[in-house]
Amino acid sequence: TGDGSDGRNSQDHASLGGKILRVTPDGKPAPGNPDPRSPVWT
C-alpha cells in the first residue's frame, strides 16, 4: 500500500496506508503477523 499522499499514515498503526500487509487467502490477518489482530506486516 501507499501512504495515500499523507505520510502520517505510514507511522499510524491504525492505518493500512504506507504498509505491507500479510493476509490469508480470505483476507484475514495471517497467523504469525507481528500483531495477530492486524494485517500489517511492515
Full PDB file with SEQRES, HELIX, SHEET, SSBOND, CRYST1, ORIGX, SCALE, CONECT and MASTER records, all heavy atoms in Angstrom:
SEQRES   1 A   42  THR GLY ASP GLY SER ASP GLY ARG ASN SER GLN ASP HIS          
SEQRES   2 A   42  ALA SER LEU GLY GLY LYS ILE LEU ARG VAL THR PRO ASP          
SEQRES   3 A   42  GLY LYS PRO ALA PRO GLY ASN PRO ASP PRO ARG SER PRO          
SEQRES   4 A   42  VAL TRP THR                                                  
HELIX    1 AA1 ARG A    8  GLN A   11  1                                   4    
CRYST1    1.000    1.000    1.000  90.00  90.00  90.00 P 1           1          
ORIGX1      1.000000  0.000000  0.000000        0.00000                         
ORIGX2      0.000000  1.000000  0.000000        0.00000                         
ORIGX3      0.000000  0.000000  1.000000        0.00000                         
SCALE1      1.000000  0.000000  0.000000        0.00000                         
SCALE2      0.000000  1.000000  0.000000        0.00000                         
SCALE3      0.000000  0.000000  1.000000        0.00000                         
ATOM      1  N   THR A   1       0.834  -1.198   0.000  1.00  0.00           N  
ATOM      2  CA  THR A   1       0.000   0.000   0.000  1.00  0.00           C  
ATOM      3  C   THR A   1       0.870   1.249   0.000  1.00  0.00           C  
ATOM      4  O   THR A   1       2.026   1.222   0.425  1.00  0.00           O  
ATOM      5  CB  THR A   1      -0.938   0.031   1.223  1.00  0.00           C  
ATOM      6  OG1 THR A   1      -0.205   0.398   2.401  1.00  0.00           O  
ATOM      7  CG2 THR A   1      -1.610  -1.323   1.440  1.00  0.00           C  
ATOM      8  N   GLY A   2       0.315   2.349  -0.484  1.00  0.00           N  
ATOM      9  CA  GLY A   2       0.991   3.632  -0.420  1.00  0.00           C  
ATOM     10  C   GLY A   2       0.460   4.457   0.735  1.00  0.00           C  
ATOM     11  O   GLY A   2      -0.530   4.100   1.379  1.00  0.00           O  
ATOM     12  N   ASP A   3       1.105   5.587   0.975  1.00  0.00           N  
ATOM     13  CA  ASP A   3       0.670   6.421   2.099  1.00  0.00           C  
ATOM     14  C   ASP A   3      -0.533   7.289   1.759  1.00  0.00           C  
ATOM     15  O   ASP A   3      -1.002   8.055   2.599  1.00  0.00           O  
ATOM     16  CB  ASP A   3       1.822   7.263   2.641  1.00  0.00           C  
ATOM     17  CG  ASP A   3       2.325   8.327   1.650  1.00  0.00           C  
ATOM     18  OD1 ASP A   3       1.680   8.559   0.602  1.00  0.00           O  
ATOM     19  OD2 ASP A   3       3.386   8.917   1.917  1.00  0.00           O  
ATOM     20  N   GLY A   4      -1.046   7.174   0.515  1.00  0.00           N  
ATOM     21  CA  GLY A   4      -2.218   7.958   0.137  1.00  0.00           C  
ATOM     22  C   GLY A   4      -1.989   9.446   0.218  1.00  0.00           C  
ATOM     23  O   GLY A   4      -2.893  10.218   0.547  1.00  0.00           O  
ATOM     24  N   SER A   5      -0.745   9.875  -0.081  1.00  0.00           N  
ATOM     25  CA  SER A   5      -0.355  11.297  -0.066  1.00  0.00           C  
ATOM     26  C   SER A   5      -0.317  11.901   1.329  1.00  0.00           C  
ATOM     27  O   SER A   5      -0.235  13.118   1.471  1.00  0.00           O  
ATOM     28  CB  SER A   5      -1.293  12.136  -0.957  1.00  0.00           C  
ATOM     29  OG  SER A   5      -1.269  11.685  -2.280  1.00  0.00           O  
ATOM     30  N   ASP A   6      -0.363  11.069   2.343  1.00  0.00           N  
ATOM     31  CA  ASP A   6      -0.287  11.556   3.725  1.00  0.00           C  
ATOM     32  C   ASP A   6       0.708  10.678   4.477  1.00  0.00           C  
ATOM     33  O   ASP A   6       0.394   9.559   4.881  1.00  0.00           O  
ATOM     34  CB  ASP A   6      -1.661  11.497   4.391  1.00  0.00           C  
ATOM     35  CG  ASP A   6      -1.675  12.128   5.775  1.00  0.00           C  
ATOM     36  OD1 ASP A   6      -0.585  12.393   6.327  1.00  0.00           O  
ATOM     37  OD2 ASP A   6      -2.776  12.346   6.314  1.00  0.00           O  
ATOM     38  N   GLY A   7       1.931  11.194   4.636  1.00  0.00           N  
ATOM     39  CA  GLY A   7       2.982  10.414   5.267  1.00  0.00           C  
ATOM     40  C   GLY A   7       2.661   9.977   6.678  1.00  0.00           C  
ATOM     41  O   GLY A   7       3.228   8.998   7.173  1.00  0.00           O  
ATOM     42  N   ARG A   8       1.735  10.647   7.333  1.00  0.00           N  
ATOM     43  CA  ARG A   8       1.374  10.254   8.699  1.00  0.00           C  
ATOM     44  C   ARG A   8       0.779   8.853   8.733  1.00  0.00           C  
ATOM     45  O   ARG A   8       0.895   8.145   9.744  1.00  0.00           O  
ATOM     46  CB  ARG A   8       0.390  11.266   9.284  1.00  0.00           C  
ATOM     47  CG  ARG A   8       0.977  12.652   9.519  1.00  0.00           C  
ATOM     48  CD  ARG A   8      -0.087  13.645   9.921  1.00  0.00           C  
ATOM     49  NE  ARG A   8      -1.081  13.839   8.860  1.00  0.00           N  
ATOM     50  CZ  ARG A   8      -2.097  14.670   8.944  1.00  0.00           C  
ATOM     51  NH1 ARG A   8      -2.266  15.404  10.054  1.00  0.00           N  
ATOM     52  NH2 ARG A   8      -2.961  14.792   7.945  1.00  0.00           N  
ATOM     53  N   ASN A   9       0.151   8.435   7.628  1.00  0.00           N  
ATOM     54  CA  ASN A   9      -0.432   7.092   7.598  1.00  0.00           C  
ATOM     55  C   ASN A   9       0.627   6.010   7.790  1.00  0.00           C  
ATOM     56  O   ASN A   9       0.358   4.956   8.370  1.00  0.00           O  
ATOM     57  CB  ASN A   9      -1.141   6.856   6.261  1.00  0.00           C  
ATOM     58  CG  ASN A   9      -2.436   7.626   6.139  1.00  0.00           C  
ATOM     59  OD1 ASN A   9      -3.129   7.847   7.125  1.00  0.00           O  
ATOM     60  ND2 ASN A   9      -2.763   8.042   4.921  1.00  0.00           N  
ATOM     61  N   SER A  10       1.838   6.269   7.292  1.00  0.00           N  
ATOM     62  CA  SER A  10       2.883   5.245   7.311  1.00  0.00           C  
ATOM     63  C   SER A  10       3.320   4.887   8.716  1.00  0.00           C  
ATOM     64  O   SER A  10       3.778   3.768   8.970  1.00  0.00           O  
ATOM     65  CB  SER A  10       4.091   5.724   6.492  1.00  0.00           C  
ATOM     66  OG  SER A  10       3.705   6.035   5.170  1.00  0.00           O  
ATOM     67  N   GLN A  11       3.211   5.842   9.647  1.00  0.00           N  
ATOM     68  CA  GLN A  11       3.598   5.604  11.045  1.00  0.00           C  
ATOM     69  C   GLN A  11       2.387   5.371  11.957  1.00  0.00           C  
ATOM     70  O   GLN A  11       2.559   5.152  13.157  1.00  0.00           O  
ATOM     71  CB  GLN A  11       4.419   6.783  11.566  1.00  0.00           C  
ATOM     72  CG  GLN A  11       5.769   6.948  10.890  1.00  0.00           C  
ATOM     73  CD  GLN A  11       6.695   5.787  11.173  1.00  0.00           C  
ATOM     74  OE1 GLN A  11       6.672   5.199  12.252  1.00  0.00           O  
ATOM     75  NE2 GLN A  11       7.515   5.416  10.185  1.00  0.00           N  
ATOM     76  N   ASP A  12       1.194   5.392  11.380  1.00  0.00           N  
ATOM     77  CA  ASP A  12      -0.039   5.198  12.143  1.00  0.00           C  
ATOM     78  C   ASP A  12      -0.414   3.720  12.082  1.00  0.00           C  
ATOM     79  O   ASP A  12      -0.819   3.216  11.033  1.00  0.00           O  
ATOM     80  CB  ASP A  12      -1.144   6.066  11.557  1.00  0.00           C  
ATOM     81  CG  ASP A  12      -2.464   5.942  12.320  1.00  0.00           C  
ATOM     82  OD1 ASP A  12      -2.554   5.101  13.236  1.00  0.00           O  
ATOM     83  OD2 ASP A  12      -3.414   6.674  11.971  1.00  0.00           O  
ATOM     84  N   HIS A  13      -0.289   3.020  13.186  1.00  0.00           N  
ATOM     85  CA  HIS A  13      -0.548   1.581  13.190  1.00  0.00           C  
ATOM     86  C   HIS A  13      -2.025   1.262  12.989  1.00  0.00           C  
ATOM     87  O   HIS A  13      -2.369   0.105  12.719  1.00  0.00           O  
ATOM     88  CB  HIS A  13      -0.020   0.959  14.481  1.00  0.00           C  
ATOM     89  CG  HIS A  13       1.470   1.011  14.598  1.00  0.00           C  
ATOM     90  ND1 HIS A  13       2.302   0.255  13.801  1.00  0.00           N  
ATOM     91  CD2 HIS A  13       2.276   1.761  15.388  1.00  0.00           C  
ATOM     92  CE1 HIS A  13       3.561   0.511  14.104  1.00  0.00           C  
ATOM     93  NE2 HIS A  13       3.577   1.422  15.060  1.00  0.00           N  
ATOM     94  N   ALA A  14      -2.889   2.281  13.121  1.00  0.00           N  
ATOM     95  CA  ALA A  14      -4.310   2.066  12.876  1.00  0.00           C  
ATOM     96  C   ALA A  14      -4.670   2.234  11.403  1.00  0.00           C  
ATOM     97  O   ALA A  14      -5.797   1.930  11.005  1.00  0.00           O  
ATOM     98  CB  ALA A  14      -5.146   3.020  13.726  1.00  0.00           C  
ATOM     99  N   SER A  15      -3.724   2.706  10.615  1.00  0.00           N  
ATOM    100  CA  SER A  15      -3.965   2.932   9.182  1.00  0.00           C  
ATOM    101  C   SER A  15      -3.333   1.805   8.374  1.00  0.00           C  
ATOM    102  O   SER A  15      -2.256   1.299   8.719  1.00  0.00           O  
ATOM    103  CB  SER A  15      -3.367   4.273   8.753  1.00  0.00           C  
ATOM    104  OG  SER A  15      -3.422   4.413   7.334  1.00  0.00           O  
ATOM    105  N   LEU A  16      -3.976   1.443   7.256  1.00  0.00           N  
ATOM    106  CA  LEU A  16      -3.413   0.456   6.333  1.00  0.00           C  
ATOM    107  C   LEU A  16      -2.533   1.110   5.277  1.00  0.00           C  
ATOM    108  O   LEU A  16      -1.985   0.416   4.430  1.00  0.00           O  
ATOM    109  CB  LEU A  16      -4.537  -0.341   5.655  1.00  0.00           C  
ATOM    110  CG  LEU A  16      -5.434  -1.165   6.583  1.00  0.00           C  
ATOM    111  CD1 LEU A  16      -6.448  -1.969   5.765  1.00  0.00           C  
ATOM    112  CD2 LEU A  16      -4.620  -2.076   7.482  1.00  0.00           C  
ATOM    113  N   GLY A  17      -2.399   2.425   5.317  1.00  0.00           N  
ATOM    114  CA  GLY A  17      -1.586   3.143   4.345  1.00  0.00           C  
ATOM    115  C   GLY A  17      -0.115   3.107   4.699  1.00  0.00           C  
ATOM    116  O   GLY A  17       0.270   3.142   5.874  1.00  0.00           O  
ATOM    117  N   GLY A  18       0.746   3.037   3.656  1.00  0.00           N  
ATOM    118  CA  GLY A  18       2.184   3.032   3.863  1.00  0.00           C  
ATOM    119  C   GLY A  18       2.675   1.768   4.537  1.00  0.00           C  
ATOM    120  O   GLY A  18       3.599   1.795   5.346  1.00  0.00           O  
ATOM    121  N   LYS A  19       2.075   0.636   4.159  1.00  0.00           N  
ATOM    122  CA  LYS A  19       2.371  -0.637   4.806  1.00  0.00           C  
ATOM    123  C   LYS A  19       2.575  -1.743   3.764  1.00  0.00           C  
ATOM    124  O   LYS A  19       2.248  -1.588   2.587  1.00  0.00           O  
ATOM    125  CB  LYS A  19       1.207  -1.068   5.718  1.00  0.00           C  
ATOM    126  CG  LYS A  19       0.701  -0.028   6.692  1.00  0.00           C  
ATOM    127  CD  LYS A  19       1.706   0.303   7.768  1.00  0.00           C  
ATOM    128  CE  LYS A  19       1.092   1.084   8.919  1.00  0.00           C  
ATOM    129  NZ  LYS A  19       0.487   2.376   8.535  1.00  0.00           N  
ATOM    130  N   ILE A  20       3.112  -2.867   4.211  1.00  0.00           N  
ATOM    131  CA  ILE A  20       2.962  -4.139   3.522  1.00  0.00           C  
ATOM    132  C   ILE A  20       2.068  -4.987   4.407  1.00  0.00           C  
ATOM    133  O   ILE A  20       2.343  -5.147   5.607  1.00  0.00           O  
ATOM    134  CB  ILE A  20       4.305  -4.827   3.257  1.00  0.00           C  
ATOM    135  CG1 ILE A  20       5.151  -3.990   2.282  1.00  0.00           C  
ATOM    136  CG2 ILE A  20       4.083  -6.229   2.673  1.00  0.00           C  
ATOM    137  CD1 ILE A  20       6.538  -4.547   2.032  1.00  0.00           C  
ATOM    138  N   LEU A  21       0.997  -5.495   3.821  1.00  0.00           N  
ATOM    139  CA  LEU A  21       0.035  -6.305   4.556  1.00  0.00           C  
ATOM    140  C   LEU A  21       0.268  -7.784   4.252  1.00  0.00           C  
ATOM    141  O   LEU A  21       0.709  -8.143   3.158  1.00  0.00           O  
ATOM    142  CB  LEU A  21      -1.401  -5.925   4.166  1.00  0.00           C  
ATOM    143  CG  LEU A  21      -1.749  -4.440   4.163  1.00  0.00           C  
ATOM    144  CD1 LEU A  21      -3.204  -4.255   3.748  1.00  0.00           C  
ATOM    145  CD2 LEU A  21      -1.476  -3.797   5.513  1.00  0.00           C  
ATOM    146  N   ARG A  22      -0.053  -8.619   5.217  1.00  0.00           N  
ATOM    147  CA  ARG A  22       0.022 -10.078   5.050  1.00  0.00           C  
ATOM    148  C   ARG A  22      -1.291 -10.668   5.550  1.00  0.00           C  
ATOM    149  O   ARG A  22      -1.606 -10.565   6.745  1.00  0.00           O  
ATOM    150  CB  ARG A  22       1.214 -10.639   5.820  1.00  0.00           C  
ATOM    151  CG  ARG A  22       1.371 -12.158   5.766  1.00  0.00           C  
ATOM    152  CD  ARG A  22       2.655 -12.557   6.500  1.00  0.00           C  
ATOM    153  NE  ARG A  22       2.841 -14.002   6.597  1.00  0.00           N  
ATOM    154  CZ  ARG A  22       2.464 -14.740   7.648  1.00  0.00           C  
ATOM    155  NH1 ARG A  22       1.872 -14.157   8.675  1.00  0.00           N  
ATOM    156  NH2 ARG A  22       2.674 -16.039   7.652  1.00  0.00           N  
ATOM    157  N   VAL A  23      -2.033 -11.271   4.636  1.00  0.00           N  
ATOM    158  CA  VAL A  23      -3.352 -11.780   4.972  1.00  0.00           C  
ATOM    159  C   VAL A  23      -3.518 -13.201   4.444  1.00  0.00           C  
ATOM    160  O   VAL A  23      -2.768 -13.658   3.575  1.00  0.00           O  
ATOM    161  CB  VAL A  23      -4.480 -10.880   4.401  1.00  0.00           C  
ATOM    162  CG1 VAL A  23      -4.403  -9.478   4.998  1.00  0.00           C  
ATOM    163  CG2 VAL A  23      -4.422 -10.806   2.878  1.00  0.00           C  
ATOM    164  N   THR A  24      -4.514 -13.891   4.959  1.00  0.00           N  
ATOM    165  CA  THR A  24      -4.871 -15.206   4.453  1.00  0.00           C  
ATOM    166  C   THR A  24      -5.559 -15.042   3.096  1.00  0.00           C  
ATOM    167  O   THR A  24      -5.935 -13.926   2.708  1.00  0.00           O  
ATOM    168  CB  THR A  24      -5.827 -15.913   5.411  1.00  0.00           C  
ATOM    169  OG1 THR A  24      -7.092 -15.217   5.403  1.00  0.00           O  
ATOM    170  CG2 THR A  24      -5.266 -15.949   6.831  1.00  0.00           C  
ATOM    171  N   PRO A  25      -5.763 -16.120   2.350  1.00  0.00           N  
ATOM    172  CA  PRO A  25      -6.475 -16.007   1.077  1.00  0.00           C  
ATOM    173  C   PRO A  25      -7.889 -15.444   1.211  1.00  0.00           C  
ATOM    174  O   PRO A  25      -8.464 -14.990   0.223  1.00  0.00           O  
ATOM    175  CB  PRO A  25      -6.492 -17.450   0.557  1.00  0.00           C  
ATOM    176  CG  PRO A  25      -5.250 -18.058   1.132  1.00  0.00           C  
ATOM    177  CD  PRO A  25      -5.145 -17.464   2.505  1.00  0.00           C  
ATOM    178  N   ASP A  26      -8.444 -15.450   2.436  1.00  0.00           N  
ATOM    179  CA  ASP A  26      -9.753 -14.856   2.679  1.00  0.00           C  
ATOM    180  C   ASP A  26      -9.664 -13.417   3.173  1.00  0.00           C  
ATOM    181  O   ASP A  26     -10.691 -12.798   3.465  1.00  0.00           O  
ATOM    182  CB  ASP A  26     -10.531 -15.688   3.704  1.00  0.00           C  
ATOM    183  CG  ASP A  26     -10.912 -17.057   3.160  1.00  0.00           C  
ATOM    184  OD1 ASP A  26     -11.203 -17.153   1.950  1.00  0.00           O  
ATOM    185  OD2 ASP A  26     -10.897 -18.023   3.940  1.00  0.00           O  
ATOM    186  N   GLY A  27      -8.448 -12.889   3.314  1.00  0.00           N  
ATOM    187  CA  GLY A  27      -8.282 -11.500   3.710  1.00  0.00           C  
ATOM    188  C   GLY A  27      -8.171 -11.254   5.199  1.00  0.00           C  
ATOM    189  O   GLY A  27      -8.135 -10.099   5.633  1.00  0.00           O  
ATOM    190  N   LYS A  28      -8.063 -12.296   5.991  1.00  0.00           N  
ATOM    191  CA  LYS A  28      -7.926 -12.139   7.437  1.00  0.00           C  
ATOM    192  C   LYS A  28      -6.456 -11.930   7.805  1.00  0.00           C  
ATOM    193  O   LYS A  28      -5.565 -12.355   7.071  1.00  0.00           O  
ATOM    194  CB  LYS A  28      -8.465 -13.373   8.160  1.00  0.00           C  
ATOM    195  CG  LYS A  28      -9.888 -13.751   7.802  1.00  0.00           C  
ATOM    196  CD  LYS A  28     -10.870 -12.667   8.175  1.00  0.00           C  
ATOM    197  CE  LYS A  28     -12.304 -13.113   7.877  1.00  0.00           C  
ATOM    198  NZ  LYS A  28     -13.279 -12.012   8.174  1.00  0.00           N  
ATOM    199  N   PRO A  29      -6.183 -11.279   8.948  1.00  0.00           N  
ATOM    200  CA  PRO A  29      -4.790 -11.190   9.402  1.00  0.00           C  
ATOM    201  C   PRO A  29      -4.166 -12.579   9.449  1.00  0.00           C  
ATOM    202  O   PRO A  29      -4.747 -13.514   9.998  1.00  0.00           O  
ATOM    203  CB  PRO A  29      -4.914 -10.564  10.791  1.00  0.00           C  
ATOM    204  CG  PRO A  29      -6.171  -9.749  10.723  1.00  0.00           C  
ATOM    205  CD  PRO A  29      -7.109 -10.556   9.863  1.00  0.00           C  
ATOM    206  N   ALA A  30      -2.984 -12.714   8.857  1.00  0.00           N  
ATOM    207  CA  ALA A  30      -2.372 -14.030   8.727  1.00  0.00           C  
ATOM    208  C   ALA A  30      -1.753 -14.484  10.047  1.00  0.00           C  
ATOM    209  O   ALA A  30      -1.225 -13.664  10.808  1.00  0.00           O  
ATOM    210  CB  ALA A  30      -1.311 -14.008   7.635  1.00  0.00           C  
ATOM    211  N   PRO A  31      -1.805 -15.778  10.334  1.00  0.00           N  
ATOM    212  CA  PRO A  31      -1.127 -16.293  11.528  1.00  0.00           C  
ATOM    213  C   PRO A  31       0.357 -15.945  11.496  1.00  0.00           C  
ATOM    214  O   PRO A  31       1.012 -16.037  10.464  1.00  0.00           O  
ATOM    215  CB  PRO A  31      -1.336 -17.809  11.411  1.00  0.00           C  
ATOM    216  CG  PRO A  31      -2.539 -17.982  10.552  1.00  0.00           C  
ATOM    217  CD  PRO A  31      -2.498 -16.843   9.573  1.00  0.00           C  
ATOM    218  N   GLY A  32       0.891 -15.514  12.628  1.00  0.00           N  
ATOM    219  CA  GLY A  32       2.300 -15.150  12.709  1.00  0.00           C  
ATOM    220  C   GLY A  32       2.579 -13.688  12.445  1.00  0.00           C  
ATOM    221  O   GLY A  32       3.750 -13.270  12.487  1.00  0.00           O  
ATOM    222  N   ASN A  33       1.550 -12.881  12.154  1.00  0.00           N  
ATOM    223  CA  ASN A  33       1.772 -11.447  11.991  1.00  0.00           C  
ATOM    224  C   ASN A  33       2.259 -10.835  13.311  1.00  0.00           C  
ATOM    225  O   ASN A  33       1.959 -11.353  14.393  1.00  0.00           O  
ATOM    226  CB  ASN A  33       0.478 -10.747  11.552  1.00  0.00           C  
ATOM    227  CG  ASN A  33       0.232 -10.874  10.062  1.00  0.00           C  
ATOM    228  OD1 ASN A  33       0.982 -11.534   9.350  1.00  0.00           O  
ATOM    229  ND2 ASN A  33      -0.829 -10.251   9.590  1.00  0.00           N  
ATOM    230  N   PRO A  34       3.014  -9.719  13.215  1.00  0.00           N  
ATOM    231  CA  PRO A  34       3.516  -9.081  14.453  1.00  0.00           C  
ATOM    232  C   PRO A  34       2.408  -8.789  15.461  1.00  0.00           C  
ATOM    233  O   PRO A  34       2.596  -8.983  16.664  1.00  0.00           O  
ATOM    234  CB  PRO A  34       4.171  -7.805  13.929  1.00  0.00           C  
ATOM    235  CG  PRO A  34       4.637  -8.174  12.551  1.00  0.00           C  
ATOM    236  CD  PRO A  34       3.569  -9.079  12.007  1.00  0.00           C  
ATOM    237  N   ASP A  35       1.265  -8.297  14.992  1.00  0.00           N  
ATOM    238  CA  ASP A  35       0.076  -8.136  15.815  1.00  0.00           C  
ATOM    239  C   ASP A  35      -0.965  -9.096  15.251  1.00  0.00           C  
ATOM    240  O   ASP A  35      -1.432  -8.919  14.129  1.00  0.00           O  
ATOM    241  CB  ASP A  35      -0.443  -6.701  15.752  1.00  0.00           C  
ATOM    242  CG  ASP A  35      -1.702  -6.470  16.582  1.00  0.00           C  
ATOM    243  OD1 ASP A  35      -2.337  -7.465  17.006  1.00  0.00           O  
ATOM    244  OD2 ASP A  35      -2.068  -5.301  16.791  1.00  0.00           O  
ATOM    245  N   PRO A  36      -1.324 -10.147  15.984  1.00  0.00           N  
ATOM    246  CA  PRO A  36      -2.228 -11.156  15.432  1.00  0.00           C  
ATOM    247  C   PRO A  36      -3.594 -10.616  15.042  1.00  0.00           C  
ATOM    248  O   PRO A  36      -4.321 -11.268  14.284  1.00  0.00           O  
ATOM    249  CB  PRO A  36      -2.335 -12.189  16.565  1.00  0.00           C  
ATOM    250  CG  PRO A  36      -1.926 -11.467  17.802  1.00  0.00           C  
ATOM    251  CD  PRO A  36      -0.913 -10.451  17.358  1.00  0.00           C  
ATOM    252  N   ARG A  37      -3.929  -9.418  15.512  1.00  0.00           N  
ATOM    253  CA  ARG A  37      -5.230  -8.819  15.171  1.00  0.00           C  
ATOM    254  C   ARG A  37      -5.156  -7.947  13.930  1.00  0.00           C  
ATOM    255  O   ARG A  37      -6.180  -7.448  13.471  1.00  0.00           O  
ATOM    256  CB  ARG A  37      -5.731  -7.981  16.353  1.00  0.00           C  
ATOM    257  CG  ARG A  37      -5.904  -8.751  17.658  1.00  0.00           C  
ATOM    258  CD  ARG A  37      -6.000  -7.804  18.828  1.00  0.00           C  
ATOM    259  NE  ARG A  37      -4.763  -7.019  18.958  1.00  0.00           N  
ATOM    260  CZ  ARG A  37      -4.571  -6.063  19.859  1.00  0.00           C  
ATOM    261  NH1 ARG A  37      -5.538  -5.774  20.716  1.00  0.00           N  
ATOM    262  NH2 ARG A  37      -3.434  -5.409  19.910  1.00  0.00           N  
ATOM    263  N   SER A  38      -3.944  -7.727  13.419  1.00  0.00           N  
ATOM    264  CA  SER A  38      -3.745  -6.766  12.340  1.00  0.00           C  
ATOM    265  C   SER A  38      -3.163  -7.436  11.102  1.00  0.00           C  
ATOM    266  O   SER A  38      -2.337  -8.348  11.215  1.00  0.00           O  
ATOM    267  CB  SER A  38      -2.794  -5.658  12.807  1.00  0.00           C  
ATOM    268  OG  SER A  38      -2.396  -4.824  11.734  1.00  0.00           O  
ATOM    269  N   PRO A  39      -3.536  -6.961   9.900  1.00  0.00           N  
ATOM    270  CA  PRO A  39      -2.914  -7.465   8.683  1.00  0.00           C  
ATOM    271  C   PRO A  39      -1.540  -6.871   8.406  1.00  0.00           C  
ATOM    272  O   PRO A  39      -0.873  -7.273   7.451  1.00  0.00           O  
ATOM    273  CB  PRO A  39      -3.903  -7.048   7.595  1.00  0.00           C  
ATOM    274  CG  PRO A  39      -4.507  -5.785   8.108  1.00  0.00           C  
ATOM    275  CD  PRO A  39      -4.609  -5.985   9.605  1.00  0.00           C  
ATOM    276  N   VAL A  40      -1.076  -5.908   9.219  1.00  0.00           N  
ATOM    277  CA  VAL A  40       0.172  -5.193   8.942  1.00  0.00           C  
ATOM    278  C   VAL A  40       1.367  -6.101   9.175  1.00  0.00           C  
ATOM    279  O   VAL A  40       1.527  -6.677  10.250  1.00  0.00           O  
ATOM    280  CB  VAL A  40       0.272  -3.914   9.788  1.00  0.00           C  
ATOM    281  CG1 VAL A  40       1.642  -3.269   9.617  1.00  0.00           C  
ATOM    282  CG2 VAL A  40      -0.839  -2.933   9.401  1.00  0.00           C  
ATOM    283  N   TRP A  41       2.223  -6.199   8.161  1.00  0.00           N  
ATOM    284  CA  TRP A  41       3.467  -6.970   8.231  1.00  0.00           C  
ATOM    285  C   TRP A  41       4.641  -6.038   8.502  1.00  0.00           C  
ATOM    286  O   TRP A  41       5.467  -6.297   9.360  1.00  0.00           O  
ATOM    287  CB  TRP A  41       3.641  -7.719   6.922  1.00  0.00           C  
ATOM    288  CG  TRP A  41       4.759  -8.722   6.840  1.00  0.00           C  
ATOM    289  CD1 TRP A  41       5.813  -8.720   5.979  1.00  0.00           C  
ATOM    290  CD2 TRP A  41       4.915  -9.925   7.619  1.00  0.00           C  
ATOM    291  NE1 TRP A  41       6.612  -9.824   6.156  1.00  0.00           N  
ATOM    292  CE2 TRP A  41       6.084 -10.584   7.167  1.00  0.00           C  
ATOM    293  CE3 TRP A  41       4.183 -10.498   8.651  1.00  0.00           C  
ATOM    294  CZ2 TRP A  41       6.546 -11.780   7.706  1.00  0.00           C  
ATOM    295  CZ3 TRP A  41       4.637 -11.694   9.203  1.00  0.00           C  
ATOM    296  CH2 TRP A  41       5.801 -12.318   8.731  1.00  0.00           C  
ATOM    297  N   THR A  42       4.722  -4.922   7.741  1.00  0.00           N  
ATOM    298  CA  THR A  42       5.742  -3.898   7.955  1.00  0.00           C  
ATOM    299  C   THR A  42       5.123  -2.523   7.759  1.00  0.00           C  
ATOM    300  O   THR A  42       4.077  -2.381   7.118  1.00  0.00           O  
ATOM    301  CB  THR A  42       6.944  -4.055   6.996  1.00  0.00           C  
ATOM    302  OG1 THR A  42       6.467  -4.031   5.644  1.00  0.00           O  
ATOM    303  CG2 THR A  42       7.679  -5.361   7.254  1.00  0.00           C  
TER     304      THR A  42                                                      
MASTER        0    0    0    1    0    0    0    6  303    1    0    4          
END                                                                             
